[in-house]
Amino acid sequence: MMFVLTPAILALLVCTLNIRKGKMMNIRTLCTALLIFTGVATVQANEIVQVSFIKETIVLEQRTVVLEKHTNTEDGEVGHAVSFEGALFDQNHQYVGILYGTTLSIDVTDKAGHNELRHGELTFVVNDSQIITEGVSGYSDEVKLGADGTKWHALDLAIIGGTGKYLGAFGTVATKKREDNTFVHTLHIYKPLLP
């Protein structure tokens, strides 16, 4: 049987021993002893761990897109919601997973229909691990196609976490939309080296 000496039990023990010796401990002495013992126990219970991170860049192509739009609002209006999913392929054209996402129009200015601002949440399920991203992106009817046939979204999303191989991950993801309605997602990920 194991006995654990907590700070409260230790303070009570000290108080009891002093009373048996005929000494009365005042409340201030007892509180000071309890505070000191608690502090010592807390310091001994915590452990400082140094963590290193590795940087990884992943480029994923999203080929198929399945859209579900909210029918009560028009594209560009505040509250317009779009949910989507698409198959993901690596740079070797091998299937690696699926992307699930939602966007919600949040721009409340007079020009919301011309330069739409959307809050987005994307979850990349890659090789049975998840990479979770979130943030805002700008969309515009006036976005010009680049020389390589892609359109840029205005802002990158933040990588806010992950599961499995990507547990504790953070970083950013940039998305390009191609003329053929496929997407290229470039993820710059920092992952902790876990013990």
Protein backbone atom coordinates (compact mmCIF):
# COMPACT_ATOMS: atom_id res chain seq x y z
CA MET A 1 0.00 0.00 0.00
CA MET A 2 1.33 3.41 -0.95
CA PHE A 3 0.75 6.53 1.13
CA VAL A 4 0.82 9.92 -0.58
CA LEU A 5 1.76 12.91 1.56
CA THR A 6 -0.16 15.89 0.20
CA PRO A 7 0.58 19.47 1.33
CA ALA A 8 -2.67 19.63 3.31
CA ILE A 9 -1.93 16.38 5.14
CA LEU A 10 1.63 17.54 5.85
CA ALA A 11 0.42 20.87 7.30
CA LEU A 12 -2.14 19.04 9.46
CA LEU A 13 0.58 16.66 10.66
CA VAL A 14 2.89 19.55 11.63
CA CYS A 15 0.03 21.26 13.47
CA THR A 16 -0.87 18.04 15.32
CA LEU A 17 2.74 17.39 16.36
CA ASN A 18 3.11 20.93 17.72
CA ILE A 19 -0.16 20.67 19.68
CA ARG A 20 1.00 17.37 21.23
CA LYS A 21 4.20 19.11 22.33
CA GLY A 22 2.08 21.69 24.07
CA LYS A 23 2.60 24.42 21.52
CA MET A 24 -0.30 26.14 19.80
CA MET A 25 0.25 27.20 16.21
CA ASN A 26 -1.43 30.39 15.21
CA ILE A 27 -3.44 30.48 11.96
CA ARG A 28 -0.83 32.67 10.22
CA THR A 29 1.94 30.11 10.82
CA LEU A 30 -0.29 27.29 9.67
CA CYS A 31 -1.28 29.15 6.45
CA THR A 32 2.36 30.01 5.73
CA ALA A 33 3.40 26.38 6.19
CA LEU A 34 0.54 25.22 3.95
CA LEU A 35 1.51 27.76 1.25
CA ILE A 36 5.18 26.71 1.32
CA PHE A 37 4.35 23.00 1.18
CA THR A 38 1.88 23.56 -1.68
CA GLY A 39 4.46 25.55 -3.66
CA VAL A 40 7.11 22.88 -3.18
CA ALA A 41 4.68 20.13 -4.23
CA THR A 42 3.65 22.12 -7.33
CA VAL A 43 7.23 22.72 -8.42
CA GLN A 44 8.04 19.05 -8.03
CA ALA A 45 4.91 17.99 -9.98
CA ASN A 46 5.63 20.07 -13.11
CA GLU A 47 8.06 19.02 -15.78
CA ILE A 48 9.68 21.25 -18.39
CA VAL A 49 9.79 19.67 -21.82
CA GLN A 50 11.67 21.11 -24.79
CA VAL A 51 9.94 20.51 -28.12
CA SER A 52 11.48 20.66 -31.58
CA PHE A 53 9.51 21.21 -34.78
CA ILE A 54 10.00 20.03 -38.33
CA LYS A 55 8.73 21.94 -41.35
CA GLU A 56 6.92 20.08 -44.09
CA THR A 57 5.42 21.42 -47.32
CA ILE A 58 2.62 19.41 -48.88
CA VAL A 59 1.08 20.20 -52.26
CA LEU A 60 -2.33 18.64 -52.85
CA GLU A 61 -4.55 18.76 -55.90
CA GLN A 62 -8.30 18.74 -55.37
CA ARG A 63 -9.87 17.36 -58.56
CA THR A 64 -13.50 16.66 -57.89
CA VAL A 65 -15.78 19.11 -56.15
CA VAL A 66 -19.21 18.32 -54.74
CA LEU A 67 -21.02 21.51 -53.75
CA GLU A 68 -24.04 22.07 -51.56
CA LYS A 69 -25.21 25.69 -51.44
CA HIS A 70 -27.60 27.35 -49.04
CA THR A 71 -30.70 28.07 -51.10
CA ASN A 72 -32.07 31.07 -49.15
CA THR A 73 -29.26 33.48 -50.06
CA GLU A 74 -27.53 34.34 -53.31
CA ASP A 75 -23.82 34.03 -54.00
CA GLY A 76 -22.09 37.09 -52.53
CA GLU A 77 -24.77 37.92 -49.96
CA VAL A 78 -23.95 37.86 -46.26
CA GLY A 79 -24.79 34.45 -44.84
CA HIS A 80 -24.34 32.61 -48.14
CA ALA A 81 -23.04 29.18 -47.14
CA VAL A 82 -21.32 26.58 -49.27
CA SER A 83 -20.30 23.09 -48.16
CA PHE A 84 -18.03 21.00 -50.35
CA GLU A 85 -15.78 17.99 -50.58
CA GLY A 86 -13.23 16.79 -53.08
CA ALA A 87 -10.73 14.00 -53.69
CA LEU A 88 -7.09 14.88 -52.95
CA PHE A 89 -4.06 13.80 -54.96
CA ASP A 90 -0.35 14.29 -54.28
CA GLN A 91 2.22 15.58 -56.79
CA ASN A 92 2.69 12.03 -58.12
CA HIS A 93 -1.06 11.96 -58.98
CA GLN A 94 -1.70 9.35 -56.29
CA TYR A 95 -4.96 9.52 -54.33
CA VAL A 96 -4.15 10.46 -50.70
CA GLY A 97 -7.46 11.48 -49.16
CA ILE A 98 -10.38 13.85 -49.20
CA LEU A 99 -11.05 17.50 -48.38
CA TYR A 100 -14.17 18.61 -46.50
CA GLY A 101 -14.95 22.30 -46.28
CA THR A 102 -17.45 25.04 -45.63
CA THR A 103 -17.43 28.74 -46.45
CA LEU A 104 -19.73 31.45 -45.15
CA SER A 105 -19.96 34.95 -46.65
CA ILE A 106 -19.29 37.48 -43.88
CA ASP A 107 -18.58 40.79 -45.65
CA VAL A 108 -21.25 43.30 -44.61
CA THR A 109 -20.10 46.30 -46.67
CA ASP A 110 -22.09 47.78 -49.57
CA LYS A 111 -19.74 46.07 -52.04
CA ALA A 112 -20.16 42.58 -50.57
CA GLY A 113 -21.46 41.23 -53.88
CA HIS A 114 -18.40 42.49 -55.78
CA ASN A 115 -15.62 41.50 -53.41
CA GLU A 116 -16.89 38.70 -51.24
CA LEU A 117 -15.19 37.89 -47.95
CA ARG A 118 -15.76 34.36 -46.70
CA HIS A 119 -14.93 32.56 -43.48
CA GLY A 120 -13.67 29.11 -44.37
CA GLU A 121 -13.04 25.86 -42.55
CA LEU A 122 -11.19 23.13 -44.45
CA THR A 123 -10.34 19.67 -43.13
CA PHE A 124 -7.78 17.71 -45.14
CA VAL A 125 -8.05 13.98 -44.39
CA VAL A 126 -4.71 12.65 -45.64
CA ASN A 127 -3.59 9.05 -45.11
CA ASP A 128 -5.92 8.60 -42.10
CA SER A 129 -4.72 11.81 -40.41
CA GLN A 130 -6.45 15.20 -40.38
CA ILE A 131 -5.13 18.73 -40.97
CA ILE A 132 -7.60 21.37 -39.78
CA THR A 133 -7.54 24.89 -41.24
CA GLU A 134 -9.58 28.04 -40.68
CA GLY A 135 -9.64 31.73 -41.61
CA VAL A 136 -11.00 34.24 -44.11
CA SER A 137 -10.43 34.44 -47.86
CA GLY A 138 -11.41 37.03 -50.43
CA TYR A 139 -13.23 36.12 -53.62
CA SER A 140 -13.90 38.47 -56.50
CA ASP A 141 -15.58 38.30 -59.91
CA GLU A 142 -12.79 40.53 -61.17
CA VAL A 143 -9.94 38.17 -60.22
CA LYS A 144 -7.77 37.74 -63.32
CA LEU A 145 -6.45 34.43 -64.51
CA GLY A 146 -2.70 34.19 -64.19
CA ALA A 147 -0.37 33.08 -66.99
CA ASP A 148 -0.52 29.52 -65.62
CA GLY A 149 -4.35 29.47 -65.73
CA THR A 150 -4.87 29.88 -62.00
CA LYS A 151 -6.71 32.37 -59.79
CA TRP A 152 -5.37 33.22 -56.33
CA HIS A 153 -7.55 33.57 -53.29
CA ALA A 154 -6.67 36.74 -51.41
CA LEU A 155 -5.66 35.31 -48.02
CA ASP A 156 -4.10 32.11 -46.72
CA LEU A 157 -5.90 30.05 -44.09
CA ALA A 158 -4.27 29.12 -40.77
CA ILE A 159 -3.50 25.50 -39.94
CA ILE A 160 -4.87 25.27 -36.40
CA GLY A 161 -4.26 21.63 -35.58
CA GLY A 162 -4.45 18.05 -36.65
CA THR A 163 -4.74 14.42 -35.66
CA GLY A 164 -2.54 11.36 -36.05
CA LYS A 165 0.63 12.23 -37.96
CA TYR A 166 -0.32 15.94 -37.75
CA LEU A 167 -1.07 16.15 -34.01
CA GLY A 168 -0.07 19.61 -32.78
CA ALA A 169 0.52 20.94 -36.31
CA PHE A 170 0.33 24.63 -37.21
CA GLY A 171 1.14 26.75 -40.25
CA THR A 172 -0.66 28.09 -43.32
CA VAL A 173 -2.36 26.85 -46.48
CA ALA A 174 -2.53 28.78 -49.78
CA THR A 175 -5.10 27.82 -52.40
CA LYS A 176 -5.08 28.37 -56.18
CA LYS A 177 -8.16 27.81 -58.30
CA ARG A 178 -7.53 26.63 -61.85
CA GLU A 179 -9.60 27.40 -64.95
CA ASP A 180 -10.82 23.78 -65.00
CA ASN A 181 -12.36 24.28 -61.51
CA THR A 182 -9.73 22.14 -59.75
CA PHE A 183 -7.72 23.51 -56.83
CA VAL A 184 -4.11 23.31 -55.68
CA HIS A 185 -3.55 23.57 -51.93
CA THR A 186 0.00 24.27 -50.68
CA LEU A 187 0.31 23.52 -46.98
CA HIS A 188 3.30 24.85 -45.02
CA ILE A 189 3.17 22.78 -41.84
CA TYR A 190 5.21 22.81 -38.64
CA LYS A 191 4.90 19.56 -36.70
CA PRO A 192 6.25 18.87 -33.20
CA LEU A 193 8.65 15.98 -32.78
CA LEU A 194 6.75 14.07 -30.12
CA PRO A 195 8.49 11.66 -27.75
